[in-house]
Amino acid sequence: MEAFFVSTGIVALAEMGDKTQLLSLVLAARFRKPWPIVLGILVATLVNHALAGALGAWVTTQLGPDVLRWVLGASFIAMAGWMLIPDKLDDEDTKDNPRLGVFVTTVIVFFLAEMGDKTQIATVMLAARYSEYIWVVAGTTLGMMLANAPVVWLGERIVKRVPLKVVHTVSAIVFAALGVLALAGVG
């Protein structure tokens, strides 16, 4: 269960102010249909994080424990630095095709926006760190939903009240601590 709780917390924090959270806000403002948007985010996240988790699990079979420990430690510390760089929504993320419907448009746009995103990379690293691949994917997906579903329903009211600099700093500290623990061989 540690993998589930750590994955949920890390991704929920990492997603605050992330481009996919901003995309959730744009989709909500554009379509004003929260249920298909939230379900689209769920499906896109499950598929994306399942693939990322599978990659992370595969990495553990290819690297020895000492190499894996150093790779994970350095990766978590690099992620800590990346967390301190705020995301901006790219213009291309808003150019979707509404003819596909709200749900399908959300799935496609959100899946593509999540490619190479902080939370996807975090999912790869967490799956490499913990042997419970299913719990990591469940946790990272829940973390994404905890960060994005309220944005879809409550929109700008939440985004304006969340001190993103503090959230990014706390996220960076968590990633740095995980990196140090991995380098020290703890856990």
N, C-alpha and C. Protein backbone atom coordinates (compact mmCIF):
# COMPACT_ATOMS: atom_id res chain seq x y z
N MET A 1 0.82 -1.20 0.00
CA MET A 1 0.00 0.00 0.00
C MET A 1 0.87 1.27 0.00
N GLU A 2 2.12 1.14 0.42
CA GLU A 2 3.01 2.31 0.41
C GLU A 2 3.13 2.86 -1.01
N ALA A 3 3.26 1.97 -1.99
CA ALA A 3 3.38 2.40 -3.38
C ALA A 3 2.16 3.21 -3.81
N PHE A 4 0.98 2.78 -3.39
CA PHE A 4 -0.27 3.48 -3.73
C PHE A 4 -0.30 4.88 -3.12
N PHE A 5 -0.03 4.96 -1.82
CA PHE A 5 -0.12 6.26 -1.14
C PHE A 5 0.96 7.24 -1.59
N VAL A 6 2.19 6.76 -1.75
CA VAL A 6 3.27 7.62 -2.21
C VAL A 6 2.98 8.10 -3.64
N SER A 7 2.53 7.19 -4.49
CA SER A 7 2.23 7.54 -5.88
C SER A 7 1.10 8.56 -5.97
N THR A 8 0.07 8.35 -5.16
CA THR A 8 -1.06 9.29 -5.16
C THR A 8 -0.60 10.68 -4.74
N GLY A 9 0.12 10.75 -3.64
CA GLY A 9 0.56 12.05 -3.12
C GLY A 9 1.51 12.77 -4.05
N ILE A 10 2.47 12.05 -4.58
CA ILE A 10 3.46 12.67 -5.45
C ILE A 10 2.80 13.22 -6.71
N VAL A 11 1.95 12.43 -7.34
CA VAL A 11 1.34 12.88 -8.58
C VAL A 11 0.32 13.99 -8.34
N ALA A 12 -0.44 13.89 -7.26
CA ALA A 12 -1.39 14.97 -6.95
C ALA A 12 -0.65 16.30 -6.76
N LEU A 13 0.47 16.28 -6.07
CA LEU A 13 1.27 17.50 -5.89
C LEU A 13 1.92 17.94 -7.20
N ALA A 14 2.48 16.99 -7.92
CA ALA A 14 3.18 17.32 -9.17
C ALA A 14 2.23 17.89 -10.21
N GLU A 15 0.99 17.50 -10.16
CA GLU A 15 0.00 17.94 -11.16
C GLU A 15 -0.47 19.37 -10.92
N MET A 16 -0.28 19.90 -9.73
CA MET A 16 -0.74 21.26 -9.44
C MET A 16 0.00 22.27 -10.32
N GLY A 17 -0.74 23.00 -11.12
CA GLY A 17 -0.15 23.98 -12.02
C GLY A 17 0.47 23.40 -13.26
N ASP A 18 0.36 22.09 -13.45
CA ASP A 18 0.92 21.40 -14.60
C ASP A 18 0.09 21.73 -15.84
N LYS A 19 0.68 21.54 -17.03
CA LYS A 19 -0.05 21.86 -18.26
C LYS A 19 -1.31 21.03 -18.43
N THR A 20 -1.32 19.79 -17.93
CA THR A 20 -2.55 19.00 -18.06
C THR A 20 -3.63 19.50 -17.12
N GLN A 21 -3.25 20.09 -15.99
CA GLN A 21 -4.26 20.70 -15.13
C GLN A 21 -4.81 21.95 -15.80
N LEU A 22 -3.96 22.72 -16.44
CA LEU A 22 -4.42 23.87 -17.19
C LEU A 22 -5.30 23.43 -18.36
N LEU A 23 -4.94 22.31 -18.99
CA LEU A 23 -5.77 21.77 -20.07
C LEU A 23 -7.15 21.38 -19.55
N SER A 24 -7.21 20.82 -18.35
CA SER A 24 -8.50 20.48 -17.74
C SER A 24 -9.38 21.73 -17.61
N LEU A 25 -8.76 22.81 -17.20
CA LEU A 25 -9.49 24.08 -17.06
C LEU A 25 -9.98 24.58 -18.41
N VAL A 26 -9.13 24.49 -19.43
CA VAL A 26 -9.51 24.93 -20.78
C VAL A 26 -10.66 24.08 -21.32
N LEU A 27 -10.57 22.76 -21.14
CA LEU A 27 -11.64 21.88 -21.60
C LEU A 27 -12.96 22.19 -20.89
N ALA A 28 -12.88 22.43 -19.59
CA ALA A 28 -14.08 22.74 -18.82
C ALA A 28 -14.71 24.05 -19.30
N ALA A 29 -13.87 25.04 -19.56
CA ALA A 29 -14.39 26.33 -20.01
C ALA A 29 -14.95 26.24 -21.42
N ARG A 30 -14.33 25.44 -22.25
CA ARG A 30 -14.76 25.34 -23.65
C ARG A 30 -16.02 24.52 -23.81
N PHE A 31 -16.11 23.38 -23.14
CA PHE A 31 -17.23 22.47 -23.37
C PHE A 31 -18.34 22.56 -22.33
N ARG A 32 -17.99 22.94 -21.12
CA ARG A 32 -18.96 23.07 -20.03
C ARG A 32 -19.79 21.80 -19.82
N LYS A 33 -19.14 20.66 -19.96
CA LYS A 33 -19.76 19.35 -19.70
C LYS A 33 -18.79 18.55 -18.84
N PRO A 34 -18.88 18.70 -17.50
CA PRO A 34 -17.85 18.12 -16.64
C PRO A 34 -17.75 16.61 -16.67
N TRP A 35 -18.85 15.88 -16.73
CA TRP A 35 -18.75 14.42 -16.65
C TRP A 35 -17.98 13.80 -17.80
N PRO A 36 -18.27 14.13 -19.07
CA PRO A 36 -17.46 13.53 -20.14
C PRO A 36 -15.99 13.95 -20.07
N ILE A 37 -15.72 15.16 -19.58
CA ILE A 37 -14.34 15.61 -19.47
C ILE A 37 -13.61 14.81 -18.39
N VAL A 38 -14.23 14.66 -17.22
CA VAL A 38 -13.60 13.91 -16.13
C VAL A 38 -13.40 12.45 -16.53
N LEU A 39 -14.39 11.84 -17.18
CA LEU A 39 -14.24 10.45 -17.63
C LEU A 39 -13.16 10.33 -18.70
N GLY A 40 -13.05 11.33 -19.58
CA GLY A 40 -11.99 11.33 -20.58
C GLY A 40 -10.61 11.44 -19.95
N ILE A 41 -10.50 12.29 -18.93
CA ILE A 41 -9.23 12.41 -18.20
C ILE A 41 -8.88 11.08 -17.54
N LEU A 42 -9.87 10.42 -16.94
CA LEU A 42 -9.64 9.12 -16.29
C LEU A 42 -9.13 8.08 -17.28
N VAL A 43 -9.80 7.96 -18.41
CA VAL A 43 -9.40 6.96 -19.41
C VAL A 43 -8.01 7.27 -19.96
N ALA A 44 -7.76 8.53 -20.32
CA ALA A 44 -6.46 8.92 -20.86
C ALA A 44 -5.35 8.65 -19.85
N THR A 45 -5.62 8.97 -18.58
CA THR A 45 -4.62 8.78 -17.53
C THR A 45 -4.35 7.30 -17.29
N LEU A 46 -5.41 6.50 -17.22
CA LEU A 46 -5.23 5.05 -17.01
C LEU A 46 -4.36 4.44 -18.10
N VAL A 47 -4.65 4.76 -19.34
CA VAL A 47 -3.88 4.19 -20.45
C VAL A 47 -2.45 4.70 -20.42
N ASN A 48 -2.29 6.01 -20.27
CA ASN A 48 -0.97 6.62 -20.28
C ASN A 48 -0.11 6.11 -19.13
N HIS A 49 -0.68 6.08 -17.92
CA HIS A 49 0.10 5.65 -16.76
C HIS A 49 0.31 4.15 -16.72
N ALA A 50 -0.60 3.38 -17.30
CA ALA A 50 -0.36 1.93 -17.40
C ALA A 50 0.85 1.66 -18.29
N LEU A 51 0.93 2.39 -19.40
CA LEU A 51 2.08 2.24 -20.28
C LEU A 51 3.36 2.72 -19.60
N ALA A 52 3.28 3.86 -18.92
CA ALA A 52 4.45 4.39 -18.21
C ALA A 52 4.88 3.45 -17.09
N GLY A 53 3.90 2.91 -16.36
CA GLY A 53 4.21 1.96 -15.28
C GLY A 53 4.85 0.69 -15.82
N ALA A 54 4.35 0.22 -16.96
CA ALA A 54 4.93 -0.98 -17.58
C ALA A 54 6.38 -0.72 -17.97
N LEU A 55 6.65 0.47 -18.48
CA LEU A 55 8.03 0.83 -18.82
C LEU A 55 8.90 0.84 -17.57
N GLY A 56 8.39 1.42 -16.50
CA GLY A 56 9.15 1.46 -15.25
C GLY A 56 9.42 0.06 -14.70
N ALA A 57 8.40 -0.80 -14.77
CA ALA A 57 8.57 -2.18 -14.30
C ALA A 57 9.60 -2.92 -15.17
N TRP A 58 9.57 -2.67 -16.47
CA TRP A 58 10.51 -3.32 -17.39
C TRP A 58 11.94 -2.87 -17.09
N VAL A 59 12.11 -1.59 -16.79
CA VAL A 59 13.45 -1.06 -16.49
C VAL A 59 14.09 -1.83 -15.34
N THR A 60 13.28 -2.21 -14.35
CA THR A 60 13.84 -2.93 -13.20
C THR A 60 14.38 -4.30 -13.59
N THR A 61 13.86 -4.87 -14.69
CA THR A 61 14.36 -6.18 -15.14
C THR A 61 15.64 -6.04 -15.96
N GLN A 62 15.94 -4.83 -16.42
CA GLN A 62 17.09 -4.62 -17.29
C GLN A 62 18.31 -4.07 -16.57
N LEU A 63 18.09 -3.45 -15.42
CA LEU A 63 19.21 -2.85 -14.68
C LEU A 63 19.44 -3.60 -13.38
N GLY A 64 20.67 -3.72 -13.01
CA GLY A 64 20.98 -4.33 -11.72
C GLY A 64 20.56 -3.41 -10.59
N PRO A 65 20.47 -3.93 -9.37
CA PRO A 65 19.99 -3.13 -8.25
C PRO A 65 20.83 -1.89 -7.96
N ASP A 66 22.14 -1.98 -8.08
CA ASP A 66 22.99 -0.82 -7.80
C ASP A 66 22.82 0.26 -8.87
N VAL A 67 22.80 -0.13 -10.13
CA VAL A 67 22.61 0.83 -11.22
C VAL A 67 21.23 1.46 -11.10
N LEU A 68 20.22 0.64 -10.83
CA LEU A 68 18.86 1.14 -10.69
C LEU A 68 18.76 2.15 -9.56
N ARG A 69 19.42 1.86 -8.46
CA ARG A 69 19.40 2.78 -7.31
C ARG A 69 19.96 4.15 -7.70
N TRP A 70 21.07 4.18 -8.43
CA TRP A 70 21.67 5.45 -8.84
C TRP A 70 20.82 6.16 -9.89
N VAL A 71 20.28 5.40 -10.82
CA VAL A 71 19.42 6.00 -11.84
C VAL A 71 18.18 6.61 -11.19
N LEU A 72 17.55 5.87 -10.29
CA LEU A 72 16.35 6.38 -9.62
C LEU A 72 16.68 7.59 -8.74
N GLY A 73 17.75 7.50 -7.98
CA GLY A 73 18.13 8.62 -7.13
C GLY A 73 18.36 9.89 -7.94
N ALA A 74 19.13 9.77 -9.01
CA ALA A 74 19.40 10.93 -9.87
C ALA A 74 18.11 11.42 -10.54
N SER A 75 17.26 10.49 -10.95
CA SER A 75 16.00 10.87 -11.61
C SER A 75 15.08 11.62 -10.66
N PHE A 76 14.95 11.14 -9.43
CA PHE A 76 14.10 11.83 -8.45
C PHE A 76 14.65 13.23 -8.15
N ILE A 77 15.96 13.35 -8.04
CA ILE A 77 16.55 14.66 -7.77
C ILE A 77 16.36 15.59 -8.98
N ALA A 78 16.51 15.06 -10.19
CA ALA A 78 16.25 15.87 -11.40
C ALA A 78 14.78 16.30 -11.43
N MET A 79 13.88 15.41 -11.04
CA MET A 79 12.45 15.74 -11.01
C MET A 79 12.19 16.84 -10.00
N ALA A 80 12.93 16.84 -8.89
CA ALA A 80 12.79 17.91 -7.90
C ALA A 80 13.10 19.26 -8.53
N GLY A 81 14.16 19.32 -9.30
CA GLY A 81 14.49 20.57 -9.99
C GLY A 81 13.45 20.96 -11.02
N TRP A 82 12.93 19.97 -11.75
CA TRP A 82 11.92 20.22 -12.77
C TRP A 82 10.64 20.76 -12.14
N MET A 83 10.33 20.31 -10.93
CA MET A 83 9.11 20.77 -10.25
C MET A 83 9.14 22.26 -9.98
N LEU A 84 10.31 22.84 -9.90
CA LEU A 84 10.44 24.27 -9.61
C LEU A 84 10.24 25.14 -10.86
N ILE A 85 10.09 24.50 -12.02
CA ILE A 85 9.84 25.22 -13.27
C ILE A 85 8.36 25.13 -13.59
N PRO A 86 7.61 26.23 -13.50
CA PRO A 86 6.17 26.18 -13.75
C PRO A 86 5.85 25.87 -15.21
N ASP A 87 4.75 25.16 -15.42
CA ASP A 87 4.29 24.82 -16.77
C ASP A 87 3.38 25.91 -17.31
N LYS A 88 3.38 26.02 -18.62
CA LYS A 88 2.42 26.89 -19.31
C LYS A 88 1.71 26.01 -20.33
N LEU A 89 0.46 26.32 -20.58
CA LEU A 89 -0.32 25.55 -21.55
C LEU A 89 0.12 25.96 -22.95
N ASP A 90 0.52 24.99 -23.76
CA ASP A 90 0.90 25.26 -25.15
C ASP A 90 -0.34 25.55 -25.97
N ASP A 91 -0.20 26.43 -26.96
CA ASP A 91 -1.33 26.76 -27.82
C ASP A 91 -1.86 25.54 -28.55
N GLU A 92 -0.98 24.61 -28.91
CA GLU A 92 -1.42 23.44 -29.66
C GLU A 92 -2.33 22.54 -28.83
N ASP A 93 -2.24 22.61 -27.50
CA ASP A 93 -3.09 21.78 -26.66
C ASP A 93 -4.56 22.19 -26.73
N THR A 94 -4.84 23.40 -27.16
CA THR A 94 -6.23 23.86 -27.21
C THR A 94 -6.84 23.70 -28.59
N LYS A 95 -6.05 23.33 -29.58
CA LYS A 95 -6.57 23.17 -30.94
C LYS A 95 -7.02 21.73 -31.14
N ASP A 96 -8.16 21.40 -30.60
CA ASP A 96 -8.69 20.06 -30.75
C ASP A 96 -9.87 20.08 -31.71
N ASN A 97 -10.39 18.93 -32.02
CA ASN A 97 -11.47 18.80 -32.98
C ASN A 97 -12.76 18.47 -32.24
N PRO A 98 -13.65 19.47 -32.03
CA PRO A 98 -14.86 19.21 -31.27
C PRO A 98 -15.83 18.26 -31.98
N ARG A 99 -15.62 17.96 -33.25
CA ARG A 99 -16.48 17.02 -33.97
C ARG A 99 -16.38 15.61 -33.39
N LEU A 100 -15.33 15.33 -32.66
CA LEU A 100 -15.15 14.01 -32.06
C LEU A 100 -16.00 13.82 -30.81
N GLY A 101 -16.55 14.88 -30.30
CA GLY A 101 -17.31 14.81 -29.06
C GLY A 101 -16.42 15.16 -27.88
N VAL A 102 -17.04 15.55 -26.79
CA VAL A 102 -16.31 16.01 -25.61
C VAL A 102 -15.45 14.89 -25.03
N PHE A 103 -16.00 13.69 -24.85
CA PHE A 103 -15.26 12.58 -24.24
C PHE A 103 -14.05 12.19 -25.07
N VAL A 104 -14.25 11.91 -26.36
CA VAL A 104 -13.15 11.45 -27.22
C VAL A 104 -12.10 12.55 -27.38
N THR A 105 -12.55 13.79 -27.55
CA THR A 105 -11.61 14.90 -27.65
C THR A 105 -10.76 14.99 -26.39
N THR A 106 -11.39 14.87 -25.22
CA THR A 106 -10.66 14.93 -23.96
C THR A 106 -9.65 13.79 -23.86
N VAL A 107 -10.06 12.57 -24.20
CA VAL A 107 -9.15 11.43 -24.13
C VAL A 107 -7.92 11.67 -25.01
N ILE A 108 -8.14 12.07 -26.23
CA ILE A 108 -7.03 12.24 -27.17
C ILE A 108 -6.11 13.39 -26.74
N VAL A 109 -6.69 14.55 -26.48
CA VAL A 109 -5.88 15.72 -26.14
C VAL A 109 -5.16 15.53 -24.82
N PHE A 110 -5.84 14.96 -23.84
CA PHE A 110 -5.22 14.76 -22.53
C PHE A 110 -4.12 13.71 -22.62
N PHE A 111 -4.35 12.62 -23.34
CA PHE A 111 -3.33 11.58 -23.51
C PHE A 111 -2.08 12.18 -24.14
N LEU A 112 -2.25 12.94 -25.21
CA LEU A 112 -1.11 13.54 -25.90
C LEU A 112 -0.39 14.57 -25.02
N ALA A 113 -1.15 15.36 -24.29
CA ALA A 113 -0.54 16.36 -23.41
C ALA A 113 0.25 15.71 -22.29
N GLU A 114 -0.14 14.53 -21.88
CA GLU A 114 0.52 13.83 -20.77
C GLU A 114 1.82 13.15 -21.22
N MET A 115 2.03 13.00 -22.54
CA MET A 115 3.23 12.35 -23.04
C MET A 115 4.46 13.18 -22.67
N GLY A 116 5.39 12.57 -21.95
CA GLY A 116 6.62 13.24 -21.54
C GLY A 116 6.42 14.26 -20.44
N ASP A 117 5.24 14.27 -19.85
CA ASP A 117 4.91 15.22 -18.78
C ASP A 117 5.54 14.76 -17.47
N LYS A 118 5.63 15.68 -16.51
CA LYS A 118 6.22 15.36 -15.21
C LYS A 118 5.56 14.15 -14.57
N THR A 119 4.24 14.11 -14.62
CA THR A 119 3.54 13.02 -13.94
C THR A 119 3.75 11.68 -14.65
N GLN A 120 3.91 11.70 -15.96
CA GLN A 120 4.20 10.46 -16.68
C GLN A 120 5.60 9.96 -16.32
N ILE A 121 6.56 10.86 -16.30
CA ILE A 121 7.93 10.49 -15.94
C ILE A 121 7.95 10.00 -14.48
N ALA A 122 7.21 10.67 -13.61
CA ALA A 122 7.12 10.24 -12.21
C ALA A 122 6.55 8.83 -12.12
N THR A 123 5.56 8.52 -12.95
CA THR A 123 4.96 7.18 -12.95
C THR A 123 5.99 6.13 -13.35
N VAL A 124 6.80 6.42 -14.36
CA VAL A 124 7.86 5.50 -14.77
C VAL A 124 8.81 5.26 -13.60
N MET A 125 9.24 6.35 -12.96
CA MET A 125 10.19 6.23 -11.85
C MET A 125 9.59 5.49 -10.66
N LEU A 126 8.34 5.78 -10.34
CA LEU A 126 7.69 5.11 -9.20
C LEU A 126 7.51 3.62 -9.47
N ALA A 127 7.16 3.28 -10.70
CA ALA A 127 7.01 1.85 -11.04
C ALA A 127 8.35 1.13 -11.00
N ALA A 128 9.42 1.86 -11.30
CA ALA A 128 10.75 1.26 -11.19
C ALA A 128 11.16 1.15 -9.72
N ARG A 129 10.68 2.05 -8.91
CA ARG A 129 11.03 2.08 -7.47
C ARG A 129 10.28 1.02 -6.67
N TYR A 130 8.99 0.87 -6.97
CA TYR A 130 8.14 -0.07 -6.23
C TYR A 130 7.78 -1.26 -7.11
N SER A 131 7.76 -2.42 -6.53
CA SER A 131 7.45 -3.62 -7.30
C SER A 131 5.95 -3.81 -7.54
N GLU A 132 5.14 -3.04 -6.85
CA GLU A 132 3.69 -3.16 -6.99
C GLU A 132 3.19 -2.27 -8.12
N TYR A 133 3.40 -2.71 -9.36
CA TYR A 133 3.07 -1.94 -10.56
C TYR A 133 1.61 -1.49 -10.56
N ILE A 134 0.69 -2.35 -10.23
CA ILE A 134 -0.74 -2.02 -10.24
C ILE A 134 -1.04 -0.91 -9.23
N TRP A 135 -0.44 -1.00 -8.04
CA TRP A 135 -0.67 0.02 -7.01
C TRP A 135 -0.09 1.37 -7.41
N VAL A 136 1.03 1.35 -8.12
CA VAL A 136 1.62 2.60 -8.60
C VAL A 136 0.69 3.25 -9.62
N VAL A 137 0.22 2.48 -10.60
CA VAL A 137 -0.68 3.03 -11.63
C VAL A 137 -1.99 3.50 -10.99
N ALA A 138 -2.53 2.73 -10.05
CA ALA A 138 -3.76 3.15 -9.36
C ALA A 138 -3.52 4.44 -8.58
N GLY A 139 -2.38 4.52 -7.92
CA GLY A 139 -2.07 5.72 -7.14
C GLY A 139 -1.83 6.94 -8.01
N THR A 140 -1.06 6.79 -9.08
CA THR A 140 -0.80 7.94 -9.94
C THR A 140 -2.08 8.40 -10.65
N THR A 141 -2.93 7.46 -11.00
CA THR A 141 -4.21 7.81 -11.62
C THR A 141 -5.10 8.55 -10.63
N LEU A 142 -5.16 8.06 -9.39
CA LEU A 142 -5.95 8.76 -8.37
C LEU A 142 -5.38 10.16 -8.13
N GLY A 143 -4.07 10.28 -8.07
CA GLY A 143 -3.45 11.58 -7.90
C GLY A 143 -3.83 12.55 -9.01
N MET A 144 -3.84 12.06 -10.25
CA MET A 144 -4.25 12.90 -11.38
C MET A 144 -5.71 13.33 -11.23
N MET A 145 -6.55 12.39 -10.82
CA MET A 145 -7.98 12.72 -10.68
C MET A 145 -8.21 13.69 -9.52
N LEU A 146 -7.47 13.53 -8.43
CA LEU A 146 -7.61 14.45 -7.30
C LEU A 146 -7.21 15.88 -7.69
N ALA A 147 -6.25 15.99 -8.58
CA ALA A 147 -5.79 17.32 -9.01
C ALA A 147 -6.65 17.91 -10.13
N ASN A 148 -7.19 17.07 -11.00
CA ASN A 148 -7.87 17.57 -12.19
C ASN A 148 -9.39 17.63 -12.10
N ALA A 149 -10.03 16.67 -11.46
CA ALA A 149 -11.50 16.68 -11.40
C ALA A 149 -12.05 17.94 -10.73
N PRO A 150 -11.48 18.37 -9.60
CA PRO A 150 -12.00 19.61 -9.01
C PRO A 150 -11.84 20.81 -9.93
N VAL A 151 -10.77 20.84 -10.72
CA VAL A 151 -10.56 21.94 -11.65
C VAL A 151 -11.67 21.96 -12.70
N VAL A 152 -12.06 20.79 -13.15
CA VAL A 152 -13.13 20.71 -14.15
C VAL A 152 -14.43 21.24 -13.56
N TRP A 153 -14.74 20.86 -12.33
CA TRP A 153 -16.01 21.26 -11.72
C TRP A 153 -15.98 22.68 -11.14
N LEU A 154 -14.86 23.06 -10.56
CA LEU A 154 -14.83 24.35 -9.87
C LEU A 154 -14.00 25.41 -10.58
N GLY A 155 -13.27 24.99 -11.59
CA GLY A 155 -12.58 25.92 -12.45
C GLY A 155 -11.65 26.89 -11.79
N GLU A 156 -11.74 28.11 -12.22
CA GLU A 156 -10.79 29.14 -11.81
C GLU A 156 -10.84 29.47 -10.33
N ARG A 157 -11.96 29.21 -9.66
CA ARG A 157 -12.03 29.51 -8.22
C ARG A 157 -10.95 28.75 -7.45
N ILE A 158 -10.70 27.50 -7.82
CA ILE A 158 -9.67 26.70 -7.14
C ILE A 158 -8.28 27.16 -7.56
N VAL A 159 -8.09 27.33 -8.85
CA VAL A 159 -6.77 27.67 -9.38
C VAL A 159 -6.26 28.98 -8.77
N LYS A 160 -7.17 29.95 -8.55
CA LYS A 160 -6.77 31.23 -7.98
C LYS A 160 -6.40 31.13 -6.50
N ARG A 161 -6.93 30.14 -5.78
CA ARG A 161 -6.70 30.03 -4.34
C ARG A 161 -5.52 29.12 -3.97
N VAL A 162 -5.06 28.33 -4.90
CA VAL A 162 -3.97 27.39 -4.62
C VAL A 162 -2.63 28.12 -4.80
N PRO A 163 -1.81 28.20 -3.76
CA PRO A 163 -0.50 28.83 -3.89
C PRO A 163 0.46 27.88 -4.62
N LEU A 164 0.50 27.99 -5.94
CA LEU A 164 1.24 27.03 -6.76
C LEU A 164 2.73 27.01 -6.44
N LYS A 165 3.30 28.14 -6.09
CA LYS A 165 4.73 28.16 -5.76
C LYS A 165 5.00 27.27 -4.55
N VAL A 166 4.14 27.33 -3.55
CA VAL A 166 4.30 26.49 -2.36
C VAL A 166 4.13 25.02 -2.73
N VAL A 167 3.12 24.72 -3.54
CA VAL A 167 2.88 23.32 -3.95
C VAL A 167 4.07 22.79 -4.74
N HIS A 168 4.62 23.60 -5.65
CA HIS A 168 5.78 23.15 -6.42
C HIS A 168 6.99 22.96 -5.52
N THR A 169 7.17 23.82 -4.54
CA THR A 169 8.29 23.70 -3.61
C THR A 169 8.16 22.42 -2.77
N VAL A 170 6.96 22.17 -2.24
CA VAL A 170 6.74 20.94 -1.46
C VAL A 170 6.98 19.72 -2.34
N SER A 171 6.48 19.75 -3.58
CA SER A 171 6.71 18.63 -4.51
C SER A 171 8.20 18.41 -4.74
N ALA A 172 8.92 19.49 -4.94
CA ALA A 172 10.37 19.39 -5.17
C ALA A 172 11.07 18.77 -3.96
N ILE A 173 10.66 19.18 -2.76
CA ILE A 173 11.25 18.62 -1.54
C ILE A 173 10.97 17.12 -1.44
N VAL A 174 9.73 16.71 -1.76
CA VAL A 174 9.38 15.28 -1.71
C VAL A 174 10.22 14.49 -2.71
N PHE A 175 10.33 14.99 -3.95
CA PHE A 175 11.13 14.29 -4.96
C PHE A 175 12.60 14.24 -4.54
N ALA A 176 13.13 15.33 -4.02
CA ALA A 176 14.53 15.36 -3.57
C ALA A 176 14.76 14.36 -2.44
N ALA A 177 13.82 14.30 -1.50
CA ALA A 177 13.95 13.33 -0.39
C ALA A 177 13.93 11.91 -0.91
N LEU A 178 13.04 11.61 -1.85
CA LEU A 178 13.01 10.26 -2.44
C LEU A 178 14.31 9.96 -3.16
N GLY A 179 14.87 10.96 -3.84
CA GLY A 179 16.15 10.76 -4.52
C GLY A 179 17.29 10.46 -3.55
N VAL A 180 17.34 11.22 -2.48
CA VAL A 180 18.39 10.99 -1.46
C VAL A 180 18.21 9.62 -0.83
N LEU A 181 16.96 9.25 -0.51
CA LEU A 181 16.71 7.92 0.08
C LEU A 181 17.10 6.81 -0.88
N ALA A 182 16.81 6.99 -2.17
CA ALA A 182 17.19 5.97 -3.15
C ALA A 182 18.71 5.86 -3.26
N LEU A 183 19.39 7.00 -3.29
CA LEU A 183 20.85 6.97 -3.37
C LEU A 183 21.47 6.34 -2.12
N ALA A 184 20.82 6.55 -0.98
CA ALA A 184 21.31 5.97 0.27
C ALA A 184 20.96 4.49 0.41
N GLY A 185 20.13 4.00 -0.51
CA GLY A 185 19.74 2.59 -0.47
C GLY A 185 18.68 2.29 0.54
N VAL A 186 17.93 3.30 0.99
CA VAL A 186 16.85 3.12 1.97
C VAL A 186 15.58 2.74 1.23
N GLY A 187 14.85 1.78 1.76
CA GLY A 187 13.56 1.38 1.19
C GLY A 187 13.74 0.29 0.22
